[in-house]
C-alpha atoms as a PDB file:
ATOM      1  CA  MET A   1      -0.179  -0.005  -0.264  1.00  0.00           C
ATOM      2  CA  PRO A   2       1.612   3.391  -0.989  1.00  0.00           C
ATOM      3  CA  GLU A   3       2.533   5.955   1.658  1.00  0.00           C
ATOM      4  CA  VAL A   4      -0.117   8.465   2.788  1.00  0.00           C
ATOM      5  CA  ARG A   5       1.032  11.810   2.625  1.00  0.00           C
ATOM      6  CA  ARG A   6      -0.126  14.470   4.701  1.00  0.00           C
ATOM      7  CA  ILE A   7      -1.444  18.316   3.578  1.00  0.00           C
ATOM      8  CA  PRO A   8      -0.103  20.146   6.246  1.00  0.00           C
ATOM      9  CA  ARG A   9      -1.035  23.723   7.687  1.00  0.00           C
ATOM     10  CA  TRP A  10       0.020  26.502   5.757  1.00  0.00           C
ATOM     11  CA  PRO A  11       2.601  27.561   5.309  1.00  0.00           C
ATOM     12  CA  ALA A  12       3.885  24.444   5.103  1.00  0.00           C
ATOM     13  CA  VAL A  13       3.205  22.241   2.138  1.00  0.00           C
ATOM     14  CA  LEU A  14       2.712  18.979   0.307  1.00  0.00           C
ATOM     15  CA  GLU A  15       4.647  19.558  -3.116  1.00  0.00           C
ATOM     16  CA  LEU A  16       3.734  17.470  -5.824  1.00  0.00           C
ATOM     17  CA  PHE A  17       6.126  17.507  -8.523  1.00  0.00           C
ATOM     18  CA  ILE A  18       5.096  16.827 -12.133  1.00  0.00           C
ATOM     19  CA  GLU A  19       8.329  15.695 -13.936  1.00  0.00           C
ATOM     20  CA  ARG A  20       7.001  12.534 -16.065  1.00  0.00           C
ATOM     21  CA  TYR A  21       4.550  11.888 -18.590  1.00  0.00           C
ATOM     22  CA  TRP A  22       0.865  11.102 -17.720  1.00  0.00           C
ATOM     23  CA  ASP A  23       2.061   7.236 -17.935  1.00  0.00           C
ATOM     24  CA  GLY A  24       5.111   7.280 -15.828  1.00  0.00           C
ATOM     25  CA  THR A  25       7.410   7.785 -18.867  1.00  0.00           C
ATOM     26  CA  PRO A  26      10.438  10.034 -18.073  1.00  0.00           C
ATOM     27  CA  CYS A  27      10.235  13.612 -19.446  1.00  0.00           C
ATOM     28  CA  ASP A  28      13.501  15.150 -20.001  1.00  0.00           C
ATOM     29  CA  ASP A  29      12.251  18.515 -21.155  1.00  0.00           C
ATOM     30  CA  ALA A  30      12.362  20.346 -17.955  1.00  0.00           C
ATOM     31  CA  ARG A  31      10.816  23.371 -19.598  1.00  0.00           C
ATOM     32  CA  LEU A  32       7.388  20.897 -19.169  1.00  0.00           C
ATOM     33  CA  HIS A  33       8.010  20.646 -15.630  1.00  0.00           C
ATOM     34  CA  GLY A  34       5.577  21.930 -13.022  1.00  0.00           C
ATOM     35  CA  ARG A  35       5.044  21.623  -9.467  1.00  0.00           C
ATOM     36  CA  VAL A  36       1.714  22.076  -7.479  1.00  0.00           C
ATOM     37  CA  GLU A  37       2.024  22.982  -3.382  1.00  0.00           C
ATOM     38  CA  ILE A  38      -1.320  22.360  -1.262  1.00  0.00           C
ATOM     39  CA  GLY A  39      -1.504  23.791   2.327  1.00  0.00           C
ATOM     40  CA  ALA A  40      -4.695  23.752   4.424  1.00  0.00           C
ATOM     41  CA  THR A  41      -5.952  26.891   5.783  1.00  0.00           C
ATOM     42  CA  ASP A  42      -8.534  27.878   8.469  1.00  0.00           C
ATOM     43  CA  ALA A  43     -10.870  28.824   5.282  1.00  0.00           C
ATOM     44  CA  GLY A  44     -10.170  25.544   3.229  1.00  0.00           C
ATOM     45  CA  LEU A  45      -7.193  25.132   1.009  1.00  0.00           C
ATOM     46  CA  ARG A  46      -4.110  27.114  -0.731  1.00  0.00           C
ATOM     47  CA  LEU A  47      -3.102  25.652  -3.940  1.00  0.00           C
ATOM     48  CA  VAL A  48      -0.046  26.962  -5.561  1.00  0.00           C
ATOM     49  CA  ALA A  49       0.845  26.100  -9.321  1.00  0.00           C
ATOM     50  CA  ARG A  50       4.412  26.715 -10.878  1.00  0.00           C
ATOM     51  CA  LEU A  51       5.396  26.166 -14.683  1.00  0.00           C
ATOM     52  CA  PRO A  52       8.163  27.351 -16.691  1.00  0.00           C
ATOM     53  CA  HIS A  53       7.125  29.681 -19.440  1.00  0.00           C
ATOM     54  CA  GLN A  54       6.652  28.020 -22.835  1.00  0.00           C
ATOM     55  CA  ALA A  55       8.280  28.957 -25.906  1.00  0.00           C
ATOM     56  CA  ARG A  56       4.764  29.566 -27.582  1.00  0.00           C
ATOM     57  CA  PRO A  57       2.518  29.840 -24.872  1.00  0.00           C
ATOM     58  CA  ILE A  58      -1.154  28.947 -25.116  1.00  0.00           C
ATOM     59  CA  VAL A  59      -3.534  31.251 -23.247  1.00  0.00           C
ATOM     60  CA  PRO A  60      -6.973  32.375 -23.462  1.00  0.00           C
ATOM     61  CA  ASP A  61      -8.008  35.572 -24.666  1.00  0.00           C
ATOM     62  CA  ALA A  62      -9.660  36.877 -21.284  1.00  0.00           C
ATOM     63  CA  ALA A  63      -8.731  39.173 -18.797  1.00  0.00           C
ATOM     64  CA  PRO A  64      -6.361  37.830 -15.924  1.00  0.00           C
ATOM     65  CA  GLY A  65      -8.162  36.618 -12.867  1.00  0.00           C
ATOM     66  CA  THR A  66     -11.105  35.382 -14.483  1.00  0.00           C
ATOM     67  CA  ARG A  67     -12.877  31.797 -14.754  1.00  0.00           C
ATOM     68  CA  VAL A  68     -12.198  30.507 -18.231  1.00  0.00           C
ATOM     69  CA  GLU A  69     -14.279  27.528 -19.403  1.00  0.00           C
ATOM     70  CA  ARG A  70     -12.292  24.859 -21.205  1.00  0.00           C
ATOM     71  CA  LEU A  71      -9.164  26.056 -19.535  1.00  0.00           C
ATOM     72  CA  TRP A  72      -7.564  22.608 -20.160  1.00  0.00           C
ATOM     73  CA  GLU A  73      -7.279  23.248 -23.726  1.00  0.00           C
ATOM     74  CA  THR A  74      -4.379  26.285 -22.813  1.00  0.00           C
ATOM     75  CA  ASP A  75      -1.231  26.160 -20.936  1.00  0.00           C
ATOM     76  CA  VAL A  76      -2.440  24.598 -17.397  1.00  0.00           C
ATOM     77  CA  VAL A  77      -1.533  22.973 -14.263  1.00  0.00           C
ATOM     78  CA  GLU A  78      -4.185  20.894 -12.617  1.00  0.00           C
ATOM     79  CA  CYS A  79      -4.490  19.548  -9.435  1.00  0.00           C
ATOM     80  CA  PHE A  80      -7.598  16.687  -8.811  1.00  0.00           C
ATOM     81  CA  LEU A  81      -8.881  16.289  -4.609  1.00  0.00           C
ATOM     82  CA  VAL A  82     -10.727  13.233  -4.170  1.00  0.00           C
ATOM     83  CA  GLY A  83     -12.989  12.549  -1.236  1.00  0.00           C
ATOM     84  CA  ALA A  84     -14.654   9.545   0.238  1.00  0.00           C
ATOM     85  CA  GLY A  85     -17.182   8.231  -1.848  1.00  0.00           C
ATOM     86  CA  GLY A  86     -14.962   9.149  -5.184  1.00  0.00           C
ATOM     87  CA  HIS A  87     -16.363  12.915  -5.364  1.00  0.00           C
ATOM     88  CA  TYR A  88     -13.625  15.003  -6.644  1.00  0.00           C
ATOM     89  CA  THR A  89     -12.824  18.545  -7.336  1.00  0.00           C
ATOM     90  CA  GLU A  90     -10.509  19.806 -10.091  1.00  0.00           C
ATOM     91  CA  VAL A  91      -8.504  23.006 -10.040  1.00  0.00           C
ATOM     92  CA  GLU A  92      -7.081  24.386 -12.993  1.00  0.00           C
ATOM     93  CA  LEU A  93      -4.525  27.310 -12.997  1.00  0.00           C
ATOM     94  CA  GLY A  94      -3.363  28.846 -16.419  1.00  0.00           C
ATOM     95  CA  GLY A  95      -0.263  30.261 -17.573  1.00  0.00           C
ATOM     96  CA  ALA A  96      -1.909  33.942 -17.917  1.00  0.00           C
ATOM     97  CA  GLY A  97      -3.717  33.978 -14.304  1.00  0.00           C
ATOM     98  CA  HIS A  98      -6.964  32.247 -15.219  1.00  0.00           C
ATOM     99  CA  PHE A  99      -8.678  29.806 -13.441  1.00  0.00           C
ATOM    100  CA  LEU A 100     -11.133  27.022 -13.366  1.00  0.00           C
ATOM    101  CA  VAL A 101     -12.765  24.668 -10.546  1.00  0.00           C
ATOM    102  CA  LEU A 102     -15.273  21.991 -11.437  1.00  0.00           C
ATOM    103  CA  ARG A 103     -16.754  19.455  -8.863  1.00  0.00           C
ATOM    104  CA  PHE A 104     -17.405  15.909 -10.024  1.00  0.00           C
ATOM    105  CA  ASP A 105     -20.059  13.434  -8.128  1.00  0.00           C
ATOM    106  CA  ALA A 106     -18.846  10.640 -10.265  1.00  0.00           C
ATOM    107  CA  VAL A 107     -15.861  10.049 -12.746  1.00  0.00           C
ATOM    108  CA  ARG A 108     -16.606  13.093 -15.599  1.00  0.00           C
ATOM    109  CA  ARG A 109     -19.850  13.746 -14.293  1.00  0.00           C
ATOM    110  CA  VAL A 110     -19.786  17.308 -13.502  1.00  0.00           C
ATOM    111  CA  SER A 111     -21.939  18.370 -10.326  1.00  0.00           C
ATOM    112  CA  ASP A 112     -21.110  21.947 -10.023  1.00  0.00           C
ATOM    113  CA  ALA A 113     -19.349  23.976 -12.481  1.00  0.00           C
ATOM    114  CA  CYS A 114     -18.653  26.711  -9.639  1.00  0.00           C
ATOM    115  CA  GLN A 115     -19.716  29.610 -12.141  1.00  0.00           C
ATOM    116  CA  SER A 116     -19.910  32.004  -9.468  1.00  0.00           C
ATOM    117  CA  LEU A 117     -16.879  31.198  -7.806  1.00  0.00           C
ATOM    118  CA  ALA A 118     -14.561  34.423  -7.129  1.00  0.00           C
ATOM    119  CA  PRO A 119     -11.447  33.135  -5.395  1.00  0.00           C
ATOM    120  CA  ARG A 120      -8.689  34.932  -3.969  1.00  0.00           C
ATOM    121  CA  LEU A 121      -6.318  34.359  -6.638  1.00  0.00           C
ATOM    122  CA  GLU A 122      -2.808  35.638  -7.106  1.00  0.00           C
ATOM    123  CA  PHE A 123      -0.512  35.423 -10.217  1.00  0.00           C
ATOM    124  CA  SER A 124       3.038  36.314 -11.120  1.00  0.00           C
ATOM    125  CA  THR A 125       5.886  35.838 -13.521  1.00  0.00           C
ATOM    126  CA  ASP A 126       9.566  36.166 -13.375  1.00  0.00           C
ATOM    127  CA  THR A 127      12.200  35.141 -15.856  1.00  0.00           C
ATOM    128  CA  THR A 128      11.719  31.398 -15.469  1.00  0.00           C
ATOM    129  CA  GLY A 129       8.258  30.972 -15.293  1.00  0.00           C
ATOM    130  CA  TRP A 130       4.692  31.777 -13.764  1.00  0.00           C
ATOM    131  CA  ARG A 131       3.157  31.176 -10.456  1.00  0.00           C
ATOM    132  CA  SER A 132      -0.708  31.021  -9.557  1.00  0.00           C
ATOM    133  CA  SER A 133      -2.348  30.420  -6.164  1.00  0.00           C
ATOM    134  CA  ILE A 134      -5.840  29.875  -5.273  1.00  0.00           C
ATOM    135  CA  ASP A 135      -7.710  29.711  -1.876  1.00  0.00           C
ATOM    136  CA  LEU A 136     -10.386  27.072  -2.312  1.00  0.00           C
ATOM    137  CA  PRO A 137     -12.983  27.430   0.006  1.00  0.00           C
ATOM    138  CA  ALA A 138     -13.616  24.940   2.299  1.00  0.00           C
ATOM    139  CA  HIS A 139     -17.149  23.891   0.971  1.00  0.00           C
ATOM    140  CA  LEU A 140     -15.045  23.101  -2.529  1.00  0.00           C
ATOM    141  CA  VAL A 141     -12.748  20.555  -0.687  1.00  0.00           C
ATOM    142  CA  PRO A 142     -14.373  17.144  -1.032  1.00  0.00           C
ATOM    143  CA  GLU A 143     -15.506  15.583   2.440  1.00  0.00           C
ATOM    144  CA  GLY A 144     -13.151  13.067   3.424  1.00  0.00           C
ATOM    145  CA  LEU A 145     -10.131  13.989   1.453  1.00  0.00           C
ATOM    146  CA  CYS A 146      -8.245  10.888   0.826  1.00  0.00           C
ATOM    147  CA  ALA A 147      -6.224  11.064  -2.506  1.00  0.00           C
ATOM    148  CA  VAL A 148      -4.769  14.027  -4.800  1.00  0.00           C
ATOM    149  CA  ASN A 149      -2.974  14.177  -7.924  1.00  0.00           C
ATOM    150  CA  ALA A 150      -1.595  16.869 -10.154  1.00  0.00           C
ATOM    151  CA  PHE A 151      -1.109  17.625 -13.882  1.00  0.00           C
ATOM    152  CA  VAL A 152       0.526  19.903 -16.604  1.00  0.00           C
ATOM    153  CA  ALA A 153      -1.037  20.003 -19.921  1.00  0.00           C
ATOM    154  CA  VAL A 154       0.959  21.844 -22.442  1.00  0.00           C
ATOM    155  CA  GLY A 155      -0.149  21.674 -26.241  1.00  0.00           C
ATOM    156  CA  ALA A 156       0.419  18.126 -26.678  1.00  0.00           C
ATOM    157  CA  SER A 157       2.406  17.032 -23.804  1.00  0.00           C
ATOM    158  CA  TYR A 158       0.722  15.506 -20.680  1.00  0.00           C
ATOM    159  CA  LEU A 159       2.555  15.126 -17.820  1.00  0.00           C
ATOM    160  CA  ALA A 160       1.526  13.601 -13.989  1.00  0.00           C
ATOM    161  CA  HIS A 161       2.965  13.722 -10.900  1.00  0.00           C
ATOM    162  CA  HIS A 162       1.508  10.115 -10.403  1.00  0.00           C
ATOM    163  CA  PRO A 163       1.207   8.150 -13.117  1.00  0.00           C
ATOM    164  CA  VAL A 164      -2.588   7.146 -14.339  1.00  0.00           C
ATOM    165  CA  PRO A 165      -2.957   3.987 -16.452  1.00  0.00           C
ATOM    166  CA  GLY A 166      -4.322   3.499 -20.164  1.00  0.00           C
ATOM    167  CA  ALA A 167      -3.092   4.174 -23.570  1.00  0.00           C
ATOM    168  CA  VAL A 168      -4.377   7.546 -23.471  1.00  0.00           C
ATOM    169  CA  ALA A 169      -3.887  10.609 -21.232  1.00  0.00           C
ATOM    170  CA  ASP A 170      -6.923  10.671 -19.300  1.00  0.00           C
ATOM    171  CA  PHE A 171      -6.736  12.652 -15.821  1.00  0.00           C
ATOM    172  CA  HIS A 172     -10.242  11.215 -14.466  1.00  0.00           C
ATOM    173  CA  GLN A 173      -9.217   8.345 -12.781  1.00  0.00           C
ATOM    174  CA  PRO A 174      -9.522   9.361  -9.011  1.00  0.00           C
ATOM    175  CA  VAL A 175      -9.129   5.584  -8.104  1.00  0.00           C
ATOM    176  CA  SER A 176      -5.423   5.469  -9.241  1.00  0.00           C
ATOM    177  CA  TYR A 177      -4.468   8.691  -7.267  1.00  0.00           C
ATOM    178  CA  PRO A 178      -1.938   8.330  -4.469  1.00  0.00           C
ATOM    179  CA  PRO A 179      -3.366   8.898  -0.814  1.00  0.00           C
ATOM    180  CA  VAL A 180      -3.284  11.708   1.311  1.00  0.00           C
ATOM    181  CA  ARG A 181      -4.677  13.044   4.640  1.00  0.00           C
ATOM    182  CA  LEU A 182      -5.603  16.551   5.775  1.00  0.00           C
ATOM    183  CA  ASP A 183      -3.877  17.701   8.971  1.00  0.00           C
ATOM    184  CA  ALA A 184      -6.356  18.967  11.323  1.00  0.00           C
END
């Protein structure tokens, strides 16, 4: 049985390095390597995503800080949070300061598109890449949080913190994610 990792209280974080392709194959292109940091707060979770600048960035034509439908079609870092009973929340942070949060009550079955969500969101860039953080309210953290995974999607390249099975990249496989527990 895999080790159960813990999500500590912020400012301590659980770091999820995303440095392999979705199937576990090594990715030697460091420009595709991302990272997600997760920490518990009094109000929920803080998630921070980091990714190097891309040679040909794919970003939405929308104001930074806004929710963007189908954000996964752009340069994005994603984090999936799984609760007891298979419910999960997908958090996407984009390479130009955009976000998308979706809740699922079963695999690929959206139960809440979170269209009215106006989270605390921060975005910054430097010479190496971008950083985006979001404060996810407690009501969007799946009850009985028990597994997590993180992914990078850049063009036709798909990377994962923890590999997922199958012949094609399919991030919606919560039963294959590594276990976590939330510190009280």
